[in-house]
PDB file of N, CA and C in Angstrom:
ATOM      1  N   MET A   1       0.868  -1.106   0.053  1.00  0.00           N
ATOM      2  CA  MET A   1      -0.037   0.056   0.413  1.00  0.00           C
ATOM      3  C   MET A   1       1.125   1.470  -0.067  1.00  0.00           C
ATOM      4  N   SER A   2      -0.200   2.339  -0.888  1.00  0.00           N
ATOM      5  CA  SER A   2       0.936   3.408  -0.603  1.00  0.00           C
ATOM      6  C   SER A   2       0.687   4.350   0.537  1.00  0.00           C
ATOM      7  N   GLU A   3       2.056   5.042   0.859  1.00  0.00           N
ATOM      8  CA  GLU A   3       1.578   6.664   2.063  1.00  0.00           C
ATOM      9  C   GLU A   3       0.906   7.104   1.213  1.00  0.00           C
ATOM     10  N   CYS A   4       0.201   7.759   1.934  1.00  0.00           N
ATOM     11  CA  CYS A   4      -0.388   8.652   1.725  1.00  0.00           C
ATOM     12  C   CYS A   4      -0.566   9.560   2.801  1.00  0.00           C
ATOM     13  N   LYS A   5      -0.201  11.294   2.368  1.00  0.00           N
ATOM     14  CA  LYS A   5      -0.350  11.803   3.435  1.00  0.00           C
ATOM     15  C   LYS A   5      -1.463  12.442   3.909  1.00  0.00           C
ATOM     16  N   LEU A   6      -3.078  11.970   3.550  1.00  0.00           N
ATOM     17  CA  LEU A   6      -4.228  12.601   3.850  1.00  0.00           C
ATOM     18  C   LEU A   6      -3.974  12.446   5.245  1.00  0.00           C
ATOM     19  N   ASP A   7      -4.434  13.634   5.452  1.00  0.00           N
ATOM     20  CA  ASP A   7      -5.366  12.477   7.169  1.00  0.00           C
ATOM     21  C   ASP A   7      -7.005  12.069   7.501  1.00  0.00           C
ATOM     22  N   HIS A   8      -7.531  11.203   7.829  1.00  0.00           N
ATOM     23  CA  HIS A   8      -9.041  10.977   7.734  1.00  0.00           C
ATOM     24  C   HIS A   8      -9.266  10.679   9.286  1.00  0.00           C
ATOM     25  N   SER A   9     -10.563  11.266   8.616  1.00  0.00           N
ATOM     26  CA  SER A   9     -11.084  11.109  10.161  1.00  0.00           C
ATOM     27  C   SER A   9     -12.418  10.250  10.643  1.00  0.00           C
ATOM     28  N   HIS A  10     -12.447  10.193  12.013  1.00  0.00           N
ATOM     29  CA  HIS A  10     -12.799   9.181  11.765  1.00  0.00           C
ATOM     30  C   HIS A  10     -14.704   8.555  11.613  1.00  0.00           C
ATOM     31  N   GLU A  11     -14.763   9.521  10.306  1.00  0.00           N
ATOM     32  CA  GLU A  11     -16.370  10.187   9.517  1.00  0.00           C
ATOM     33  C   GLU A  11     -15.569   9.018   9.078  1.00  0.00           C
ATOM     34  N   ASP A  12     -14.704   9.508   7.881  1.00  0.00           N
ATOM     35  CA  ASP A  12     -14.073   9.161   7.249  1.00  0.00           C
ATOM     36  C   ASP A  12     -13.618   7.148   7.213  1.00  0.00           C
ATOM     37  N   VAL A  13     -13.401   6.962   8.304  1.00  0.00           N
ATOM     38  CA  VAL A  13     -12.911   5.976   8.002  1.00  0.00           C
ATOM     39  C   VAL A  13     -14.464   4.671   8.249  1.00  0.00           C
ATOM     40  N   LYS A  14     -15.588   5.271   9.424  1.00  0.00           N
ATOM     41  CA  LYS A  14     -16.594   4.835   9.457  1.00  0.00           C
ATOM     42  C   LYS A  14     -16.418   4.221   8.134  1.00  0.00           C
ATOM     43  N   HIS A  15     -16.731   5.872   7.322  1.00  0.00           N
ATOM     44  CA  HIS A  15     -17.844   5.457   5.546  1.00  0.00           C
ATOM     45  C   HIS A  15     -17.048   4.102   5.074  1.00  0.00           C
ATOM     46  N   LYS A  16     -15.961   4.156   4.908  1.00  0.00           N
ATOM     47  CA  LYS A  16     -15.401   3.504   4.447  1.00  0.00           C
ATOM     48  C   LYS A  16     -15.306   1.737   4.604  1.00  0.00           C
ATOM     49  N   TYR A  17     -15.245   1.780   6.071  1.00  0.00           N
ATOM     50  CA  TYR A  17     -15.684   1.113   6.409  1.00  0.00           C
ATOM     51  C   TYR A  17     -16.745   0.126   6.197  1.00  0.00           C
ATOM     52  N   GLU A  18     -18.141   1.080   6.261  1.00  0.00           N
ATOM     53  CA  GLU A  18     -19.703   0.469   5.420  1.00  0.00           C
ATOM     54  C   GLU A  18     -19.144   0.282   4.199  1.00  0.00           C
ATOM     55  N   SER A  19     -18.216   0.829   3.815  1.00  0.00           N
ATOM     56  CA  SER A  19     -18.528   0.405   2.622  1.00  0.00           C
ATOM     57  C   SER A  19     -18.056  -0.838   2.240  1.00  0.00           C
ATOM     58  N   GLN A  20     -17.279  -1.030   2.833  1.00  0.00           N
ATOM     59  CA  GLN A  20     -16.189  -2.395   2.233  1.00  0.00           C
ATOM     60  C   GLN A  20     -16.531  -3.737   3.405  1.00  0.00           C
ATOM     61  N   ALA A  21     -17.696  -3.048   4.512  1.00  0.00           N
ATOM     62  CA  ALA A  21     -18.250  -3.761   5.418  1.00  0.00           C
ATOM     63  C   ALA A  21     -18.985  -5.982   5.192  1.00  0.00           C
ATOM     64  N   GLY A  22     -18.946  -5.788   3.211  1.00  0.00           N
ATOM     65  CA  GLY A  22     -19.867  -6.985   3.320  1.00  0.00           C
ATOM     66  C   GLY A  22     -18.373  -7.634   1.943  1.00  0.00           C
ATOM     67  N   PHE A  23     -17.200  -7.469   2.171  1.00  0.00           N
ATOM     68  CA  PHE A  23     -16.168  -8.205   2.335  1.00  0.00           C
ATOM     69  C   PHE A  23     -15.255  -8.238   3.046  1.00  0.00           C
ATOM     70  N   LEU A  24     -15.709  -8.239   4.182  1.00  0.00           N
ATOM     71  CA  LEU A  24     -15.215  -8.280   5.098  1.00  0.00           C
ATOM     72  C   LEU A  24     -15.617  -9.188   6.556  1.00  0.00           C
ATOM     73  N   PRO A  25     -14.822 -10.612   7.133  1.00  0.00           N
ATOM     74  CA  PRO A  25     -15.201 -11.458   7.889  1.00  0.00           C
ATOM     75  C   PRO A  25     -16.098 -11.087   8.293  1.00  0.00           C
ATOM     76  N   GLU A  26     -16.983 -11.763   8.765  1.00  0.00           N
ATOM     77  CA  GLU A  26     -18.258 -11.507   9.870  1.00  0.00           C
ATOM     78  C   GLU A  26     -17.722 -10.706  11.282  1.00  0.00           C
ATOM     79  N   ASP A  27     -16.879 -11.932  11.817  1.00  0.00           N
ATOM     80  CA  ASP A  27     -16.766 -11.348  12.833  1.00  0.00           C
ATOM     81  C   ASP A  27     -15.903 -10.387  13.667  1.00  0.00           C
ATOM     82  N   MET A  28     -15.664  -9.412  12.846  1.00  0.00           N
ATOM     83  CA  MET A  28     -14.882  -8.573  12.333  1.00  0.00           C
ATOM     84  C   MET A  28     -15.451  -7.210  12.837  1.00  0.00           C
ATOM     85  N   LYS A  29     -17.197  -7.217  12.306  1.00  0.00           N
ATOM     86  CA  LYS A  29     -17.657  -6.345  12.021  1.00  0.00           C
ATOM     87  C   LYS A  29     -18.428  -5.897  13.976  1.00  0.00           C
ATOM     88  N   LEU A  30     -18.151  -7.433  14.426  1.00  0.00           N
ATOM     89  CA  LEU A  30     -18.546  -6.486  16.643  1.00  0.00           C
ATOM     90  C   LEU A  30     -17.256  -5.954  16.590  1.00  0.00           C
ATOM     91  N   LEU A  31     -16.107  -6.600  16.293  1.00  0.00           N
ATOM     92  CA  LEU A  31     -14.590  -5.447  16.742  1.00  0.00           C
ATOM     93  C   LEU A  31     -14.831  -4.184  16.241  1.00  0.00           C
ATOM     94  N   PHE A  32     -15.162  -3.772  14.350  1.00  0.00           N
ATOM     95  CA  PHE A  32     -15.683  -2.603  14.130  1.00  0.00           C
ATOM     96  C   PHE A  32     -16.563  -1.523  15.315  1.00  0.00           C
ATOM     97  N   GLU A  33     -17.332  -1.908  15.573  1.00  0.00           N
ATOM     98  CA  GLU A  33     -18.512  -1.505  16.399  1.00  0.00           C
ATOM     99  C   GLU A  33     -17.843  -1.031  17.906  1.00  0.00           C
ATOM    100  N   GLN A  34     -16.894  -1.662  18.054  1.00  0.00           N
ATOM    101  CA  GLN A  34     -16.346  -1.549  19.365  1.00  0.00           C
ATOM    102  C   GLN A  34     -15.325  -0.291  18.960  1.00  0.00           C
ATOM    103  N   PHE A  35     -14.411  -0.535  17.994  1.00  0.00           N
ATOM    104  CA  PHE A  35     -13.545   0.516  17.343  1.00  0.00           C
ATOM    105  C   PHE A  35     -14.224   1.729  16.759  1.00  0.00           C
ATOM    106  N   PHE A  36     -14.801   2.023  16.874  1.00  0.00           N
ATOM    107  CA  PHE A  36     -15.701   3.202  16.092  1.00  0.00           C
ATOM    108  C   PHE A  36     -16.795   4.016  17.260  1.00  0.00           C
ATOM    109  N   ALA A  37     -16.656   3.238  18.574  1.00  0.00           N
ATOM    110  CA  ALA A  37     -17.021   3.622  19.712  1.00  0.00           C
ATOM    111  C   ALA A  37     -15.979   4.078  20.460  1.00  0.00           C
ATOM    112  N   LYS A  38     -14.795   4.040  20.495  1.00  0.00           N
ATOM    113  CA  LYS A  38     -13.687   4.517  21.387  1.00  0.00           C
ATOM    114  C   LYS A  38     -13.360   6.236  20.080  1.00  0.00           C
ATOM    115  N   GLU A  39     -12.289   6.643  21.136  1.00  0.00           N
ATOM    116  CA  GLU A  39     -11.142   7.855  19.901  1.00  0.00           C
ATOM    117  C   GLU A  39     -10.280   7.158  19.740  1.00  0.00           C
ATOM    118  N   HIS A  40      -9.298   7.452  18.258  1.00  0.00           N
ATOM    119  CA  HIS A  40      -8.013   6.556  18.358  1.00  0.00           C
ATOM    120  C   HIS A  40      -7.331   7.674  17.678  1.00  0.00           C
ATOM    121  N   THR A  41      -5.895   7.528  17.750  1.00  0.00           N
ATOM    122  CA  THR A  41      -4.493   8.457  17.195  1.00  0.00           C
ATOM    123  C   THR A  41      -4.851   8.958  15.509  1.00  0.00           C
ATOM    124  N   GLN A  42      -4.225   9.606  14.712  1.00  0.00           N
ATOM    125  CA  GLN A  42      -4.723  10.157  14.064  1.00  0.00           C
ATOM    126  C   GLN A  42      -4.092   8.829  13.165  1.00  0.00           C
ATOM    127  N   ASP A  43      -2.443   8.900  13.384  1.00  0.00           N
ATOM    128  CA  ASP A  43      -1.809   7.626  12.753  1.00  0.00           C
ATOM    129  C   ASP A  43      -3.149   6.056  12.359  1.00  0.00           C
ATOM    130  N   LEU A  44      -3.687   5.838  13.642  1.00  0.00           N
ATOM    131  CA  LEU A  44      -4.233   4.762  13.745  1.00  0.00           C
ATOM    132  C   LEU A  44      -5.613   4.884  12.710  1.00  0.00           C
ATOM    133  N   LEU A  45      -6.082   5.759  13.102  1.00  0.00           N
ATOM    134  CA  LEU A  45      -7.472   5.772  11.600  1.00  0.00           C
ATOM    135  C   LEU A  45      -6.607   5.991  10.741  1.00  0.00           C
ATOM    136  N   ASN A  46      -5.675   6.537  10.073  1.00  0.00           N
ATOM    137  CA  ASN A  46      -5.082   6.825   9.122  1.00  0.00           C
ATOM    138  C   ASN A  46      -4.826   4.979   8.382  1.00  0.00           C
ATOM    139  N   GLU A  47      -4.013   4.105   8.891  1.00  0.00           N
ATOM    140  CA  GLU A  47      -3.952   3.201   8.436  1.00  0.00           C
ATOM    141  C   GLU A  47      -5.153   1.973   8.778  1.00  0.00           C
ATOM    142  N   VAL A  48      -6.105   2.267   9.416  1.00  0.00           N
ATOM    143  CA  VAL A  48      -6.822   1.416   9.648  1.00  0.00           C
ATOM    144  C   VAL A  48      -8.259   1.296   7.821  1.00  0.00           C
ATOM    145  N   PHE A  49      -7.871   2.961   7.897  1.00  0.00           N
ATOM    146  CA  PHE A  49      -8.384   3.421   6.318  1.00  0.00           C
ATOM    147  C   PHE A  49      -7.889   2.768   5.171  1.00  0.00           C
ATOM    148  N   HIS A  50      -6.220   2.883   5.443  1.00  0.00           N
ATOM    149  CA  HIS A  50      -5.525   2.627   3.806  1.00  0.00           C
ATOM    150  C   HIS A  50      -6.227   0.526   4.014  1.00  0.00           C
ATOM    151  N   LEU A  51      -6.374  -0.032   5.115  1.00  0.00           N
ATOM    152  CA  LEU A  51      -6.252  -1.739   4.987  1.00  0.00           C
ATOM    153  C   LEU A  51      -7.428  -1.310   4.460  1.00  0.00           C
ATOM    154  N   LEU A  52      -8.628  -0.609   4.696  1.00  0.00           N
ATOM    155  CA  LEU A  52      -9.882  -1.042   4.329  1.00  0.00           C
ATOM    156  C   LEU A  52     -10.182  -0.649   2.703  1.00  0.00           C
ATOM    157  N   LYS A  53      -9.046   0.783   2.354  1.00  0.00           N
ATOM    158  CA  LYS A  53      -9.255   1.492   0.672  1.00  0.00           C
ATOM    159  C   LYS A  53      -8.971   0.265  -0.033  1.00  0.00           C
ATOM    160  N   LYS A  54     -10.150  -0.165  -0.878  1.00  0.00           N
ATOM    161  CA  LYS A  54     -10.643  -1.461  -2.412  1.00  0.00           C
ATOM    162  C   LYS A  54     -10.059  -2.433  -1.201  1.00  0.00           C
ATOM    163  N   TYR A  55     -10.221  -2.822  -0.260  1.00  0.00           N
ATOM    164  CA  TYR A  55     -10.332  -3.801  -0.229  1.00  0.00           C
ATOM    165  C   TYR A  55     -10.861  -4.976  -0.766  1.00  0.00           C
ATOM    166  N   ASP A  56     -11.931  -4.622  -1.506  1.00  0.00           N
ATOM    167  CA  ASP A  56     -12.813  -5.661  -1.781  1.00  0.00           C
ATOM    168  C   ASP A  56     -11.990  -5.823  -3.131  1.00  0.00           C
ATOM    169  N   LEU A  57     -10.894  -5.017  -3.940  1.00  0.00           N
ATOM    170  CA  LEU A  57     -10.421  -5.327  -5.681  1.00  0.00           C
ATOM    171  C   LEU A  57      -9.306  -5.722  -4.932  1.00  0.00           C
ATOM    172  N   ALA A  58      -8.359  -6.083  -3.896  1.00  0.00           N
ATOM    173  CA  ALA A  58      -7.108  -7.013  -3.505  1.00  0.00           C
ATOM    174  C   ALA A  58      -7.665  -8.781  -3.369  1.00  0.00           C
ATOM    175  N   ASP A  59      -6.227  -9.077  -3.943  1.00  0.00           N
ATOM    176  CA  ASP A  59      -6.457 -10.754  -3.991  1.00  0.00           C
ATOM    177  C   ASP A  59      -6.837 -11.699  -2.843  1.00  0.00           C
ATOM    178  N   GLU A  60      -7.010 -12.617  -2.894  1.00  0.00           N
ATOM    179  CA  GLU A  60      -7.428 -13.097  -1.472  1.00  0.00           C
ATOM    180  C   GLU A  60      -6.009 -13.200  -0.618  1.00  0.00           C
ATOM    181  N   GLN A  61      -4.635 -13.135  -1.215  1.00  0.00           N
ATOM    182  CA  GLN A  61      -3.945 -13.226  -0.214  1.00  0.00           C
ATOM    183  C   GLN A  61      -3.490 -11.907   0.722  1.00  0.00           C
ATOM    184  N   GLU A  62      -3.735 -11.158  -0.305  1.00  0.00           N
ATOM    185  CA  GLU A  62      -3.747  -9.452   0.164  1.00  0.00           C
ATOM    186  C   GLU A  62      -4.818  -9.081   1.548  1.00  0.00           C
ATOM    187  N   GLN A  63      -5.597  -9.720   0.856  1.00  0.00           N
ATOM    188  CA  GLN A  63      -7.040  -9.124   1.708  1.00  0.00           C
ATOM    189  C   GLN A  63      -6.633 -10.294   3.628  1.00  0.00           C
ATOM    190  N   SER A  64      -6.225 -11.164   3.053  1.00  0.00           N
ATOM    191  CA  SER A  64      -5.712 -11.686   4.346  1.00  0.00           C
ATOM    192  C   SER A  64      -4.650 -11.359   5.294  1.00  0.00           C
ATOM    193  N   GLU A  65      -3.838 -10.628   4.779  1.00  0.00           N
ATOM    194  CA  GLU A  65      -2.689  -9.992   4.897  1.00  0.00           C
ATOM    195  C   GLU A  65      -3.344  -8.537   6.028  1.00  0.00           C
ATOM    196  N   ARG A  66      -4.176  -8.090   5.336  1.00  0.00           N
ATOM    197  CA  ARG A  66      -4.787  -7.097   5.925  1.00  0.00           C
ATOM    198  C   ARG A  66      -5.982  -7.297   6.862  1.00  0.00           C
ATOM    199  N   ASN A  67      -6.521  -8.541   7.030  1.00  0.00           N
ATOM    200  CA  ASN A  67      -7.459  -9.244   7.848  1.00  0.00           C
ATOM    201  C   ASN A  67      -6.239  -8.995   9.234  1.00  0.00           C
ATOM    202  N   ASN A  68      -5.127  -9.883   9.490  1.00  0.00           N
ATOM    203  CA  ASN A  68      -4.615  -9.514  10.088  1.00  0.00           C
ATOM    204  C   ASN A  68      -3.848  -9.074  10.880  1.00  0.00           C
ATOM    205  N   ARG A  69      -3.657  -7.533  10.048  1.00  0.00           N
ATOM    206  CA  ARG A  69      -2.919  -6.458  10.577  1.00  0.00           C
ATOM    207  C   ARG A  69      -4.489  -5.904  11.686  1.00  0.00           C
ATOM    208  N   LEU A  70      -5.459  -6.073  10.359  1.00  0.00           N
ATOM    209  CA  LEU A  70      -6.644  -5.164  11.011  1.00  0.00           C
ATOM    210  C   LEU A  70      -7.427  -5.707  12.608  1.00  0.00           C
ATOM    211  N   TYR A  71      -7.603  -7.431  12.449  1.00  0.00           N
ATOM    212  CA  TYR A  71      -7.609  -8.024  14.277  1.00  0.00           C
ATOM    213  C   TYR A  71      -6.627  -7.733  14.763  1.00  0.00           C
ATOM    214  N   LEU A  72      -4.947  -7.667  14.601  1.00  0.00           N
ATOM    215  CA  LEU A  72      -4.332  -6.600  15.428  1.00  0.00           C
ATOM    216  C   LEU A  72      -4.731  -5.685  16.131  1.00  0.00           C
ATOM    217  N   ILE A  73      -5.094  -5.197  15.050  1.00  0.00           N
ATOM    218  CA  ILE A  73      -5.672  -3.479  15.781  1.00  0.00           C
ATOM    219  C   ILE A  73      -6.563  -3.360  16.395  1.00  0.00           C
ATOM    220  N   LEU A  74      -7.910  -3.991  15.668  1.00  0.00           N
ATOM    221  CA  LEU A  74      -9.118  -3.955  16.581  1.00  0.00           C
ATOM    222  C   LEU A  74      -9.125  -4.741  18.105  1.00  0.00           C
ATOM    223  N   LYS A  75      -8.121  -5.816  18.052  1.00  0.00           N
ATOM    224  CA  LYS A  75      -8.450  -6.451  19.407  1.00  0.00           C
ATOM    225  C   LYS A  75      -7.149  -5.750  19.875  1.00  0.00           C
ATOM    226  N   ASN A  76      -6.766  -5.230  20.159  1.00  0.00           N
ATOM    227  CA  ASN A  76      -5.907  -4.433  21.159  1.00  0.00           C
ATOM    228  C   ASN A  76      -6.099  -2.661  21.503  1.00  0.00           C
ATOM    229  N   VAL A  77      -7.086  -2.344  20.564  1.00  0.00           N
ATOM    230  CA  VAL A  77      -7.251  -0.985  20.829  1.00  0.00           C
ATOM    231  C   VAL A  77      -9.009  -0.661  21.842  1.00  0.00           C
TER     232      VAL A  77
END
């Protein structure tokens, strides 16, 4: 994934999640609900946004790698 210089708001991340939710593992949805109930650093918001960005277009291996990173983030916030 390329480095982006934009800062993404809580709402940006939530909208990106909503657009990709149908492609994500079902058990990740509760974790995202918990994630959105809290405040997070700008770096973390940006990282989650970019893990979700074009998730639906990523191949199976890339999705698996993104899932692993998302699980790490979502279970530890």
